[in-house]
Amino acid sequence: MTGTTERDVNVPLTTVEGTTPETLSLAARASRPAQVVLGVLRIALGFYFLWAFFDKTFGLGFATPAERAWVNGGSPTTGFLSGVEGPFAGFFNGMAGAVWADWLFMIGLLGIGLALVLGIGMRIAAVSGSLLLVFMYLAALPLETNPIIDDHLTMALTIVALALIGGGDVLGLGKVWKNLPVVRRNRWLV
């Protein structure tokens, strides 16, 4: 890092005219390496949701074979929810294959994925993503490798943390999104 100072390392990757260090999000005030890691983490989590959406929609042959793809008449919720055997089996089995559940699930996967990849609507992504992941956690009970926690809960906590620190502001469109008139009037869209 020849020729750089401590101050240079902490300069945000992107700035919006008129911002001061006090008005920047915690993520935007982080060092450049930390910003890159936070941005890549957010994008990777978004890709997790987007991949599930595309695989279930088109049957890309990973978790969903082509013949069970949504575009071929398959149900995105049937396979997982009909196989739930834990304490909430009745609840989840009852919604398996329901048209409303399929649409809600798929819209959720797409919306959460796009929000995280783009860094926009992080509050909505945190709430809806955490809710979806907590439902998936409950459907997975009892857990096989750990009696208390699994990747659904850690991903939910990570998405919430990214939203709280302004993770959409780095390597994303969060700053631009927050300055849109509709978002300024409706802060819940941040």
C-alpha atoms as a PDB file:
ATOM      1  CA  MET A   1       0.000   0.000   0.000  1.00  0.00           C
ATOM      2  CA  THR A   2       2.761   2.351  -0.928  1.00  0.00           C
ATOM      3  CA  GLY A   3       1.635   5.953  -1.248  1.00  0.00           C
ATOM      4  CA  THR A   4      -1.621   5.539   0.673  1.00  0.00           C
ATOM      5  CA  THR A   5      -2.458   6.860   4.087  1.00  0.00           C
ATOM      6  CA  GLU A   6      -4.740   5.555   6.804  1.00  0.00           C
ATOM      7  CA  ARG A   7      -7.259   8.164   5.670  1.00  0.00           C
ATOM      8  CA  ASP A   8      -7.200   6.785   2.070  1.00  0.00           C
ATOM      9  CA  VAL A   9      -8.024   3.269   3.256  1.00  0.00           C
ATOM     10  CA  ASN A  10     -11.185   4.499   4.980  1.00  0.00           C
ATOM     11  CA  VAL A  11     -12.524   6.531   2.059  1.00  0.00           C
ATOM     12  CA  PRO A  12     -15.840   5.085   0.865  1.00  0.00           C
ATOM     13  CA  LEU A  13     -15.976   3.424  -2.551  1.00  0.00           C
ATOM     14  CA  THR A  14     -18.803   5.706  -3.610  1.00  0.00           C
ATOM     15  CA  THR A  15     -20.116   8.962  -2.271  1.00  0.00           C
ATOM     16  CA  VAL A  16     -23.199  11.028  -2.937  1.00  0.00           C
ATOM     17  CA  GLU A  17     -22.752  14.757  -3.263  1.00  0.00           C
ATOM     18  CA  GLY A  18     -23.689  16.559  -0.074  1.00  0.00           C
ATOM     19  CA  THR A  19     -23.009  13.648   2.266  1.00  0.00           C
ATOM     20  CA  THR A  20     -20.798  13.978   5.276  1.00  0.00           C
ATOM     21  CA  PRO A  21     -19.078  11.204   7.211  1.00  0.00           C
ATOM     22  CA  GLU A  22     -21.798  11.536   9.856  1.00  0.00           C
ATOM     23  CA  THR A  23     -24.614  10.929   7.351  1.00  0.00           C
ATOM     24  CA  LEU A  24     -22.952   7.938   5.679  1.00  0.00           C
ATOM     25  CA  SER A  25     -24.097   4.479   6.687  1.00  0.00           C
ATOM     26  CA  LEU A  26     -21.858   2.326   8.832  1.00  0.00           C
ATOM     27  CA  ALA A  27     -21.035   0.226   5.771  1.00  0.00           C
ATOM     28  CA  ALA A  28     -20.101   3.316   3.730  1.00  0.00           C
ATOM     29  CA  ARG A  29     -17.716   4.437   6.511  1.00  0.00           C
ATOM     30  CA  ALA A  30     -15.920   1.078   6.594  1.00  0.00           C
ATOM     31  CA  SER A  31     -12.537   0.498   5.017  1.00  0.00           C
ATOM     32  CA  ARG A  32     -12.481  -0.388   1.323  1.00  0.00           C
ATOM     33  CA  PRO A  33     -11.709  -4.058   1.956  1.00  0.00           C
ATOM     34  CA  ALA A  34     -14.575  -4.270   4.456  1.00  0.00           C
ATOM     35  CA  GLN A  35     -16.903  -2.550   1.976  1.00  0.00           C
ATOM     36  CA  VAL A  36     -15.983  -5.032  -0.737  1.00  0.00           C
ATOM     37  CA  VAL A  37     -16.598  -7.973   1.605  1.00  0.00           C
ATOM     38  CA  LEU A  38     -19.964  -6.544   2.733  1.00  0.00           C
ATOM     39  CA  GLY A  39     -21.015  -5.871  -0.851  1.00  0.00           C
ATOM     40  CA  VAL A  40     -19.973  -9.301  -2.075  1.00  0.00           C
ATOM     41  CA  LEU A  41     -21.710 -10.936   0.924  1.00  0.00           C
ATOM     42  CA  ARG A  42     -24.955  -9.078   0.128  1.00  0.00           C
ATOM     43  CA  ILE A  43     -24.750  -9.994  -3.558  1.00  0.00           C
ATOM     44  CA  ALA A  44     -23.988 -13.639  -2.743  1.00  0.00           C
ATOM     45  CA  LEU A  45     -27.026 -13.859  -0.466  1.00  0.00           C
ATOM     46  CA  GLY A  46     -29.136 -12.256  -3.190  1.00  0.00           C
ATOM     47  CA  PHE A  47     -27.854 -14.775  -5.711  1.00  0.00           C
ATOM     48  CA  TYR A  48     -28.872 -17.564  -3.317  1.00  0.00           C
ATOM     49  CA  PHE A  49     -32.515 -16.386  -3.590  1.00  0.00           C
ATOM     50  CA  LEU A  50     -32.337 -15.621  -7.324  1.00  0.00           C
ATOM     51  CA  TRP A  51     -30.833 -19.019  -8.117  1.00  0.00           C
ATOM     52  CA  ALA A  52     -33.654 -20.768  -6.240  1.00  0.00           C
ATOM     53  CA  PHE A  53     -36.166 -18.668  -8.198  1.00  0.00           C
ATOM     54  CA  PHE A  54     -34.662 -19.493 -11.611  1.00  0.00           C
ATOM     55  CA  ASP A  55     -34.079 -23.168 -10.814  1.00  0.00           C
ATOM     56  CA  LYS A  56     -37.679 -23.637  -9.614  1.00  0.00           C
ATOM     57  CA  THR A  57     -39.086 -21.591 -12.494  1.00  0.00           C
ATOM     58  CA  PHE A  58     -37.188 -23.236 -15.356  1.00  0.00           C
ATOM     59  CA  GLY A  59     -36.075 -26.568 -13.856  1.00  0.00           C
ATOM     60  CA  LEU A  60     -32.386 -26.069 -14.454  1.00  0.00           C
ATOM     61  CA  GLY A  61     -31.700 -29.558 -13.161  1.00  0.00           C
ATOM     62  CA  PHE A  62     -30.049 -28.690  -9.865  1.00  0.00           C
ATOM     63  CA  ALA A  63     -32.720 -28.820  -7.148  1.00  0.00           C
ATOM     64  CA  THR A  64     -35.570 -28.916  -9.675  1.00  0.00           C
ATOM     65  CA  PRO A  65     -35.654 -31.225 -12.704  1.00  0.00           C
ATOM     66  CA  ALA A  66     -37.051 -29.731 -15.923  1.00  0.00           C
ATOM     67  CA  GLU A  67     -40.244 -31.806 -15.780  1.00  0.00           C
ATOM     68  CA  ARG A  68     -41.116 -30.293 -12.351  1.00  0.00           C
ATOM     69  CA  ALA A  69     -40.344 -26.689 -13.365  1.00  0.00           C
ATOM     70  CA  TRP A  70     -42.942 -24.043 -12.611  1.00  0.00           C
ATOM     71  CA  VAL A  71     -43.169 -23.154 -16.323  1.00  0.00           C
ATOM     72  CA  ASN A  72     -43.984 -26.810 -17.032  1.00  0.00           C
ATOM     73  CA  GLY A  73     -46.840 -26.924 -14.522  1.00  0.00           C
ATOM     74  CA  GLY A  74     -44.829 -27.993 -11.490  1.00  0.00           C
ATOM     75  CA  SER A  75     -45.391 -26.547  -8.042  1.00  0.00           C
ATOM     76  CA  PRO A  76     -42.412 -24.802  -6.416  1.00  0.00           C
ATOM     77  CA  THR A  77     -43.705 -25.588  -2.920  1.00  0.00           C
ATOM     78  CA  THR A  78     -44.878 -29.182  -3.299  1.00  0.00           C
ATOM     79  CA  GLY A  79     -41.549 -30.997  -3.092  1.00  0.00           C
ATOM     80  CA  PHE A  80     -40.226 -29.297   0.030  1.00  0.00           C
ATOM     81  CA  LEU A  81     -43.428 -28.648   1.967  1.00  0.00           C
ATOM     82  CA  SER A  82     -45.054 -32.027   1.346  1.00  0.00           C
ATOM     83  CA  GLY A  83     -41.974 -33.717   2.799  1.00  0.00           C
ATOM     84  CA  VAL A  84     -41.957 -31.821   6.102  1.00  0.00           C
ATOM     85  CA  GLU A  85     -42.089 -34.291   8.989  1.00  0.00           C
ATOM     86  CA  GLY A  86     -41.274 -32.187  12.077  1.00  0.00           C
ATOM     87  CA  PRO A  87     -43.504 -30.552  14.679  1.00  0.00           C
ATOM     88  CA  PHE A  88     -45.040 -28.198  12.095  1.00  0.00           C
ATOM     89  CA  ALA A  89     -45.699 -30.877   9.463  1.00  0.00           C
ATOM     90  CA  GLY A  90     -49.469 -30.345   9.433  1.00  0.00           C
ATOM     91  CA  PHE A  91     -49.116 -26.609   8.874  1.00  0.00           C
ATOM     92  CA  PHE A  92     -46.575 -26.898   6.051  1.00  0.00           C
ATOM     93  CA  ASN A  93     -48.044 -30.013   4.407  1.00  0.00           C
ATOM     94  CA  GLY A  94     -51.392 -28.201   4.237  1.00  0.00           C
ATOM     95  CA  MET A  95     -50.012 -25.384   2.085  1.00  0.00           C
ATOM     96  CA  ALA A  96     -47.854 -27.578  -0.177  1.00  0.00           C
ATOM     97  CA  GLY A  97     -48.860 -27.052  -3.798  1.00  0.00           C
ATOM     98  CA  ALA A  98     -51.420 -24.318  -3.076  1.00  0.00           C
ATOM     99  CA  VAL A  99     -51.433 -21.764  -5.902  1.00  0.00           C
ATOM    100  CA  TRP A 100     -51.286 -18.843  -3.453  1.00  0.00           C
ATOM    101  CA  ALA A 101     -48.294 -20.431  -1.667  1.00  0.00           C
ATOM    102  CA  ASP A 102     -46.477 -21.023  -4.972  1.00  0.00           C
ATOM    103  CA  TRP A 103     -46.959 -17.421  -6.096  1.00  0.00           C
ATOM    104  CA  LEU A 104     -46.072 -15.919  -2.718  1.00  0.00           C
ATOM    105  CA  PHE A 105     -42.957 -18.081  -2.442  1.00  0.00           C
ATOM    106  CA  MET A 106     -41.749 -17.302  -5.964  1.00  0.00           C
ATOM    107  CA  ILE A 107     -42.441 -13.566  -5.718  1.00  0.00           C
ATOM    108  CA  GLY A 108     -40.574 -13.620  -2.415  1.00  0.00           C
ATOM    109  CA  LEU A 109     -37.546 -15.391  -3.886  1.00  0.00           C
ATOM    110  CA  LEU A 110     -37.385 -12.987  -6.829  1.00  0.00           C
ATOM    111  CA  GLY A 111     -38.000  -9.811  -4.823  1.00  0.00           C
ATOM    112  CA  ILE A 112     -35.605 -10.645  -1.997  1.00  0.00           C
ATOM    113  CA  GLY A 113     -32.944 -11.754  -4.467  1.00  0.00           C
ATOM    114  CA  LEU A 114     -33.191  -8.617  -6.604  1.00  0.00           C
ATOM    115  CA  ALA A 115     -33.242  -6.315  -3.574  1.00  0.00           C
ATOM    116  CA  LEU A 116     -30.096  -7.898  -2.146  1.00  0.00           C
ATOM    117  CA  VAL A 117     -28.185  -8.052  -5.431  1.00  0.00           C
ATOM    118  CA  LEU A 118     -29.034  -4.423  -6.253  1.00  0.00           C
ATOM    119  CA  GLY A 119     -28.734  -3.138  -2.677  1.00  0.00           C
ATOM    120  CA  ILE A 120     -32.187  -1.524  -2.736  1.00  0.00           C
ATOM    121  CA  GLY A 121     -35.159  -1.917  -0.411  1.00  0.00           C
ATOM    122  CA  MET A 122     -32.924  -3.466   2.224  1.00  0.00           C
ATOM    123  CA  ARG A 123     -35.493  -3.068   5.025  1.00  0.00           C
ATOM    124  CA  ILE A 124     -38.137  -4.932   3.055  1.00  0.00           C
ATOM    125  CA  ALA A 125     -35.579  -7.557   2.021  1.00  0.00           C
ATOM    126  CA  ALA A 126     -34.516  -7.999   5.652  1.00  0.00           C
ATOM    127  CA  VAL A 127     -38.068  -8.456   6.928  1.00  0.00           C
ATOM    128  CA  SER A 128     -39.369 -10.636   4.089  1.00  0.00           C
ATOM    129  CA  GLY A 129     -36.129 -12.605   3.712  1.00  0.00           C
ATOM    130  CA  SER A 130     -35.939 -13.299   7.435  1.00  0.00           C
ATOM    131  CA  LEU A 131     -39.588 -14.336   7.537  1.00  0.00           C
ATOM    132  CA  LEU A 132     -39.118 -16.739   4.615  1.00  0.00           C
ATOM    133  CA  LEU A 133     -35.939 -18.172   6.131  1.00  0.00           C
ATOM    134  CA  VAL A 134     -37.524 -18.608   9.572  1.00  0.00           C
ATOM    135  CA  PHE A 135     -40.424 -20.504   7.956  1.00  0.00           C
ATOM    136  CA  MET A 136     -37.906 -22.708   6.149  1.00  0.00           C
ATOM    137  CA  TYR A 137     -36.086 -23.250   9.455  1.00  0.00           C
ATOM    138  CA  LEU A 138     -39.336 -24.302  11.142  1.00  0.00           C
ATOM    139  CA  ALA A 139     -40.099 -26.662   8.263  1.00  0.00           C
ATOM    140  CA  ALA A 140     -36.658 -28.254   8.635  1.00  0.00           C
ATOM    141  CA  LEU A 141     -37.185 -29.133  12.320  1.00  0.00           C
ATOM    142  CA  PRO A 142     -35.942 -31.335  13.842  1.00  0.00           C
ATOM    143  CA  LEU A 143     -32.493 -30.383  12.595  1.00  0.00           C
ATOM    144  CA  GLU A 144     -30.029 -33.092  11.641  1.00  0.00           C
ATOM    145  CA  THR A 145     -26.595 -31.618  12.356  1.00  0.00           C
ATOM    146  CA  ASN A 146     -27.236 -29.141  15.177  1.00  0.00           C
ATOM    147  CA  PRO A 147     -30.174 -29.201  17.592  1.00  0.00           C
ATOM    148  CA  ILE A 148     -30.680 -25.410  17.622  1.00  0.00           C
ATOM    149  CA  ILE A 149     -29.308 -23.494  14.656  1.00  0.00           C
ATOM    150  CA  ASP A 150     -28.876 -23.976  10.920  1.00  0.00           C
ATOM    151  CA  ASP A 151     -28.017 -21.957   7.839  1.00  0.00           C
ATOM    152  CA  HIS A 152     -31.537 -20.498   7.543  1.00  0.00           C
ATOM    153  CA  LEU A 153     -31.158 -18.629  10.822  1.00  0.00           C
ATOM    154  CA  THR A 154     -27.608 -17.478  10.128  1.00  0.00           C
ATOM    155  CA  MET A 155     -28.659 -16.155   6.709  1.00  0.00           C
ATOM    156  CA  ALA A 156     -31.638 -14.353   8.248  1.00  0.00           C
ATOM    157  CA  LEU A 157     -29.399 -12.696  10.829  1.00  0.00           C
ATOM    158  CA  THR A 158     -26.884 -11.746   8.143  1.00  0.00           C
ATOM    159  CA  ILE A 159     -29.532 -10.091   5.979  1.00  0.00           C
ATOM    160  CA  VAL A 160     -30.842  -8.129   8.972  1.00  0.00           C
ATOM    161  CA  ALA A 161     -27.298  -7.052   9.888  1.00  0.00           C
ATOM    162  CA  LEU A 162     -26.623  -5.907   6.318  1.00  0.00           C
ATOM    163  CA  ALA A 163     -29.813  -3.847   6.322  1.00  0.00           C
ATOM    164  CA  LEU A 164     -29.020  -2.288   9.708  1.00  0.00           C
ATOM    165  CA  ILE A 165     -25.525  -1.160   8.684  1.00  0.00           C
ATOM    166  CA  GLY A 166     -26.589   0.136   5.264  1.00  0.00           C
ATOM    167  CA  GLY A 167     -25.065  -2.731   3.303  1.00  0.00           C
ATOM    168  CA  GLY A 168     -26.868  -1.676   0.134  1.00  0.00           C
ATOM    169  CA  ASP A 169     -24.820   1.539   0.036  1.00  0.00           C
ATOM    170  CA  VAL A 170     -21.615  -0.211  -1.025  1.00  0.00           C
ATOM    171  CA  LEU A 171     -21.292  -2.054  -4.324  1.00  0.00           C
ATOM    172  CA  GLY A 172     -24.991  -1.422  -4.778  1.00  0.00           C
ATOM    173  CA  LEU A 173     -27.615   1.164  -5.632  1.00  0.00           C
ATOM    174  CA  GLY A 174     -28.629   1.859  -2.023  1.00  0.00           C
ATOM    175  CA  LYS A 175     -27.539   5.504  -1.955  1.00  0.00           C
ATOM    176  CA  VAL A 176     -29.284   6.294  -5.241  1.00  0.00           C
ATOM    177  CA  TRP A 177     -32.377   4.361  -4.106  1.00  0.00           C
ATOM    178  CA  LYS A 178     -32.579   6.280  -0.818  1.00  0.00           C
ATOM    179  CA  ASN A 179     -32.565   9.597  -2.699  1.00  0.00           C
ATOM    180  CA  LEU A 180     -35.516   8.750  -4.950  1.00  0.00           C
ATOM    181  CA  PRO A 181     -38.502  10.993  -4.115  1.00  0.00           C
ATOM    182  CA  VAL A 182     -40.843   8.050  -3.510  1.00  0.00           C
ATOM    183  CA  VAL A 183     -38.369   6.467  -1.081  1.00  0.00           C
ATOM    184  CA  ARG A 184     -37.748   9.784   0.688  1.00  0.00           C
ATOM    185  CA  ARG A 185     -41.515  10.106   1.260  1.00  0.00           C
ATOM    186  CA  ASN A 186     -41.890   6.456   2.307  1.00  0.00           C
ATOM    187  CA  ARG A 187     -38.907   5.643   4.531  1.00  0.00           C
ATOM    188  CA  TRP A 188     -40.096   2.055   4.964  1.00  0.00           C
ATOM    189  CA  LEU A 189     -38.894   1.474   1.388  1.00  0.00           C
ATOM    190  CA  VAL A 190     -35.267   2.129   2.390  1.00  0.00           C
END
